[in-house]
């Protein structure tokens, strides 16, 4: 094969273009989700806020709470390297996050299934303590802060889950119009087991 100056230049040009193209697609700097995050980490698409320690891993799957004939389930899935972009607010970064879906059963019959949350959320600074958003789809699609706390069981590496919504952070227009009904359409401050 004859190597010419023209072929070398084509290869160099291709390599430079490839590097420029891939560098615009992938963030340049990984930031530990459990570490300190700066405002600059949410700008210019150059940062990836990563669950480096896999603190989110034990949360994944389906969790259940039973009260008499009623059962409440949540399913948590993980999005890796979700691209969060809001140009109007100068937000552009990558992040690991969780999506949540819930189901309700009455006497073993499925009575309601929510959609998975549209956007993954979740902040985890230390193992076992996760803060994320929860949308009360049956009411008014309001999003509320949710604390998910892992509770060790007597079996090694197995946990129960405390599910606690914070009703004081957000306005609940449904509850304001229906003050005699529960604040949320789902049970609150409960202990769940993994299925």
Foldseek 3Di string as FASTA:
>chain_A
DDDDPVNVVVVVVVVVVVVVVVPQVAAQEEADLLDDDDPCQFADANYEHEVVVPLCVQVAAKKWDDDPQKIKMKGKDKDAQDWDDDVVVRGTYTYIFIWMKMWMGGNNHTDDIDDTDPDGFWGDNDRFWIWTWDFQVVFDRDIWIWIWGWADDPDPPATKIFIATDPPPDDRVRCVVVVVDDSGPDDHRDIIHGD
